[in-house]
Each structure stands twice: as structure tokens, then as C-alpha cells.
Amino acid sequence: MALKFFCSNTDCENSVHEIPIGRYKTVFNEKTGMLEPINLPKCEKCGKELRWENVFEGVNSITLNSFSSLSPERKKEIIHKRAEKHNKTEGRDEKHWRKNKIIKEFFGK
């Protein structure tokens, strides 16, 4: 979703042309179910508040079942990367837990 801003004054030349805005804050409106901009800027030419439009630019790429259509070598590579990532983050905790469990069982603490 993208927002495009135009001047709300129909006599202003910016009412037809899109006005580029660098950054703007949005808030979720529960009534409409959409994100809406807050603190709308004013037009530089006429001083009226800008109006905005939602523009759906579409999704560039949809990949359904992409993993199943890969070659076995590529699947192996992806699974290996996932396992490495998991072992770096969560595997470390599990390793310490198992080590402490064995020590407690052995020494009876």
C-alpha cells in the first residue's frame, strides 16, 4: 500500500499532480480498517491541507510451494542454512540445558 498526496484545492495546480512527501506518520483507523496519515502537510502553493489516496501497487512476486519445486541440492543448502541459524540462536540454550540436566543427574543435586 502506498499513499499519494494531492492538494485539496481544485483551483490549485497541485490538485492534479502528485506531491512527493518524504516521511509521514500513519495511524490505523478501526472504522475504515485502513492506515491513514496524521498531521497532513499543507500545499506549498496555496496553503490548503493535502488530500491523500490509497494506491495498491500490487505484489511483485508471489512464491507458492517454491521450496518443493527446487532441486535437491538447493533444498539441502536451504535446510543447512536454517539449521545453522537455529543452532546459533536456540540450539545454544538447549545444549546448556542438556549439559546441566546430565550434571544434576550424575551428581544428584
C-alpha atoms as a PDB file:
ATOM      1  CA  MET A   1       0.000   0.000   0.000  1.00  0.00           C
ATOM      2  CA  ALA A   2       1.228   3.441  -0.842  1.00  0.00           C
ATOM      3  CA  LEU A   3      -0.252   6.827  -0.196  1.00  0.00           C
ATOM      4  CA  LYS A   4      -0.262   9.579  -2.785  1.00  0.00           C
ATOM      5  CA  PHE A   5      -0.863  13.170  -1.771  1.00  0.00           C
ATOM      6  CA  PHE A   6      -2.688  15.840  -3.762  1.00  0.00           C
ATOM      7  CA  CYS A   7      -3.860  19.362  -2.968  1.00  0.00           C
ATOM      8  CA  SER A   8      -7.478  19.539  -1.792  1.00  0.00           C
ATOM      9  CA  ASN A   9      -8.000  22.904  -3.555  1.00  0.00           C
ATOM     10  CA  THR A  10      -9.421  22.174  -7.033  1.00  0.00           C
ATOM     11  CA  ASP A  11      -8.105  25.515  -8.386  1.00  0.00           C
ATOM     12  CA  CYS A  12      -4.503  24.712  -7.401  1.00  0.00           C
ATOM     13  CA  GLU A  13      -2.233  23.067  -9.977  1.00  0.00           C
ATOM     14  CA  ASN A  14      -1.110  20.529  -7.332  1.00  0.00           C
ATOM     15  CA  SER A  15      -4.634  19.068  -7.195  1.00  0.00           C
ATOM     16  CA  VAL A  16      -3.852  17.144 -10.389  1.00  0.00           C
ATOM     17  CA  HIS A  17      -0.171  16.365  -9.827  1.00  0.00           C
ATOM     18  CA  GLU A  18       1.121  14.122  -7.060  1.00  0.00           C
ATOM     19  CA  ILE A  19       3.078  15.924  -4.354  1.00  0.00           C
ATOM     20  CA  PRO A  20       6.089  13.923  -3.149  1.00  0.00           C
ATOM     21  CA  ILE A  21       6.234  13.673   0.642  1.00  0.00           C
ATOM     22  CA  GLY A  22       9.352  12.153   2.205  1.00  0.00           C
ATOM     23  CA  ARG A  23       8.104  10.795   5.520  1.00  0.00           C
ATOM     24  CA  TYR A  24       4.703  10.784   7.117  1.00  0.00           C
ATOM     25  CA  LYS A  25       3.151   9.049  10.112  1.00  0.00           C
ATOM     26  CA  THR A  26       0.111   6.835   9.814  1.00  0.00           C
ATOM     27  CA  VAL A  27      -2.415   5.530  12.313  1.00  0.00           C
ATOM     28  CA  PHE A  28      -4.839   2.600  11.969  1.00  0.00           C
ATOM     29  CA  ASN A  29      -8.471   3.692  11.663  1.00  0.00           C
ATOM     30  CA  GLU A  30     -10.715   0.971  13.106  1.00  0.00           C
ATOM     31  CA  LYS A  31     -13.824   2.251  11.308  1.00  0.00           C
ATOM     32  CA  THR A  32     -12.334   2.042   7.833  1.00  0.00           C
ATOM     33  CA  GLY A  33      -9.846  -0.723   8.625  1.00  0.00           C
ATOM     34  CA  MET A  34      -7.038   1.172   6.900  1.00  0.00           C
ATOM     35  CA  LEU A  35      -3.915   3.120   7.738  1.00  0.00           C
ATOM     36  CA  GLU A  36      -4.467   6.851   7.468  1.00  0.00           C
ATOM     37  CA  PRO A  37      -1.903   9.652   7.643  1.00  0.00           C
ATOM     38  CA  ILE A  38      -1.915  12.003  10.608  1.00  0.00           C
ATOM     39  CA  ASN A  39      -0.816  15.650  10.674  1.00  0.00           C
ATOM     40  CA  LEU A  40      -1.320  16.171   6.958  1.00  0.00           C
ATOM     41  CA  PRO A  41       1.052  18.740   5.481  1.00  0.00           C
ATOM     42  CA  LYS A  42      -0.165  21.811   3.645  1.00  0.00           C
ATOM     43  CA  CYS A  43       0.244  22.630  -0.028  1.00  0.00           C
ATOM     44  CA  GLU A  44       3.267  24.815  -0.705  1.00  0.00           C
ATOM     45  CA  LYS A  45       1.456  26.845  -3.379  1.00  0.00           C
ATOM     46  CA  CYS A  46      -1.971  27.584  -1.886  1.00  0.00           C
ATOM     47  CA  GLY A  47      -1.626  26.602   1.795  1.00  0.00           C
ATOM     48  CA  LYS A  48      -4.614  24.201   1.874  1.00  0.00           C
ATOM     49  CA  GLU A  49      -4.371  20.797   3.557  1.00  0.00           C
ATOM     50  CA  LEU A  50      -3.414  17.927   1.268  1.00  0.00           C
ATOM     51  CA  ARG A  51      -5.745  15.050   0.494  1.00  0.00           C
ATOM     52  CA  TRP A  52      -4.479  11.510   0.159  1.00  0.00           C
ATOM     53  CA  GLU A  53      -5.363   8.394  -1.819  1.00  0.00           C
ATOM     54  CA  ASN A  54      -4.523   4.762  -1.226  1.00  0.00           C
ATOM     55  CA  VAL A  55      -2.742   3.250  -4.168  1.00  0.00           C
ATOM     56  CA  PHE A  56      -2.336  -0.502  -4.262  1.00  0.00           C
ATOM     57  CA  GLU A  57       0.758  -1.204  -6.289  1.00  0.00           C
ATOM     58  CA  GLY A  58       0.316  -4.960  -6.212  1.00  0.00           C
ATOM     59  CA  VAL A  59       2.666  -7.657  -5.104  1.00  0.00           C
ATOM     60  CA  ASN A  60       5.757  -8.062  -7.220  1.00  0.00           C
ATOM     61  CA  SER A  61       6.317 -11.733  -6.612  1.00  0.00           C
ATOM     62  CA  ILE A  62       4.241 -14.496  -5.136  1.00  0.00           C
ATOM     63  CA  THR A  63       6.024 -17.727  -4.475  1.00  0.00           C
ATOM     64  CA  LEU A  64       3.771 -20.608  -3.520  1.00  0.00           C
ATOM     65  CA  ASN A  65       5.365 -24.004  -2.943  1.00  0.00           C
ATOM     66  CA  SER A  66       8.667 -22.628  -4.100  1.00  0.00           C
ATOM     67  CA  PHE A  67      10.602 -24.955  -1.802  1.00  0.00           C
ATOM     68  CA  SER A  68       9.053 -28.101  -3.251  1.00  0.00           C
ATOM     69  CA  SER A  69       9.943 -27.056  -6.781  1.00  0.00           C
ATOM     70  CA  LEU A  70      13.650 -26.595  -6.007  1.00  0.00           C
ATOM     71  CA  SER A  71      16.384 -29.026  -6.908  1.00  0.00           C
ATOM     72  CA  PRO A  72      17.536 -31.471  -4.187  1.00  0.00           C
ATOM     73  CA  GLU A  73      20.903 -29.678  -3.918  1.00  0.00           C
ATOM     74  CA  ARG A  74      19.214 -26.311  -3.375  1.00  0.00           C
ATOM     75  CA  LYS A  75      16.830 -27.823  -0.790  1.00  0.00           C
ATOM     76  CA  LYS A  76      19.804 -29.285   1.076  1.00  0.00           C
ATOM     77  CA  GLU A  77      21.526 -25.898   1.071  1.00  0.00           C
ATOM     78  CA  ILE A  78      18.432 -24.088   2.423  1.00  0.00           C
ATOM     79  CA  ILE A  79      17.852 -26.672   5.157  1.00  0.00           C
ATOM     80  CA  HIS A  80      21.513 -26.479   6.149  1.00  0.00           C
ATOM     81  CA  LYS A  81      21.282 -22.661   6.467  1.00  0.00           C
ATOM     82  CA  ARG A  82      18.104 -22.944   8.551  1.00  0.00           C
ATOM     83  CA  ALA A  83      19.758 -25.481  10.865  1.00  0.00           C
ATOM     84  CA  GLU A  84      22.835 -23.273  11.300  1.00  0.00           C
ATOM     85  CA  LYS A  85      20.667 -20.278  12.141  1.00  0.00           C
ATOM     86  CA  HIS A  86      18.613 -22.308  14.615  1.00  0.00           C
ATOM     87  CA  ASN A  87      21.715 -23.729  16.306  1.00  0.00           C
ATOM     88  CA  LYS A  88      23.250 -20.284  16.686  1.00  0.00           C
ATOM     89  CA  THR A  89      20.185 -18.809  18.386  1.00  0.00           C
ATOM     90  CA  GLU A  90      18.160 -21.538  20.112  1.00  0.00           C
ATOM     91  CA  GLY A  91      20.470 -24.536  19.949  1.00  0.00           C
ATOM     92  CA  ARG A  92      22.892 -22.918  22.366  1.00  0.00           C
ATOM     93  CA  ASP A  93      20.238 -22.784  25.111  1.00  0.00           C
ATOM     94  CA  GLU A  94      19.226 -26.386  24.540  1.00  0.00           C
ATOM     95  CA  LYS A  95      22.858 -27.511  24.699  1.00  0.00           C
ATOM     96  CA  HIS A  96      23.338 -25.828  28.095  1.00  0.00           C
ATOM     97  CA  TRP A  97      20.050 -27.260  29.375  1.00  0.00           C
ATOM     98  CA  ARG A  98      21.062 -30.812  28.413  1.00  0.00           C
ATOM     99  CA  LYS A  99      24.523 -30.357  29.948  1.00  0.00           C
ATOM    100  CA  ASN A 100      23.071 -29.084  33.236  1.00  0.00           C
ATOM    101  CA  LYS A 101      20.497 -31.887  33.306  1.00  0.00           C
ATOM    102  CA  ILE A 102      23.198 -34.575  32.912  1.00  0.00           C
ATOM    103  CA  ILE A 103      25.374 -32.945  35.611  1.00  0.00           C
ATOM    104  CA  LYS A 104      22.428 -32.801  38.014  1.00  0.00           C
ATOM    105  CA  GLU A 105      21.526 -36.442  37.336  1.00  0.00           C
ATOM    106  CA  PHE A 106      25.125 -37.571  37.791  1.00  0.00           C
ATOM    107  CA  PHE A 107      25.864 -35.649  40.970  1.00  0.00           C
ATOM    108  CA  GLY A 108      22.282 -35.815  42.334  1.00  0.00           C
ATOM    109  CA  LYS A 109      21.841 -32.117  43.054  1.00  0.00           C
END
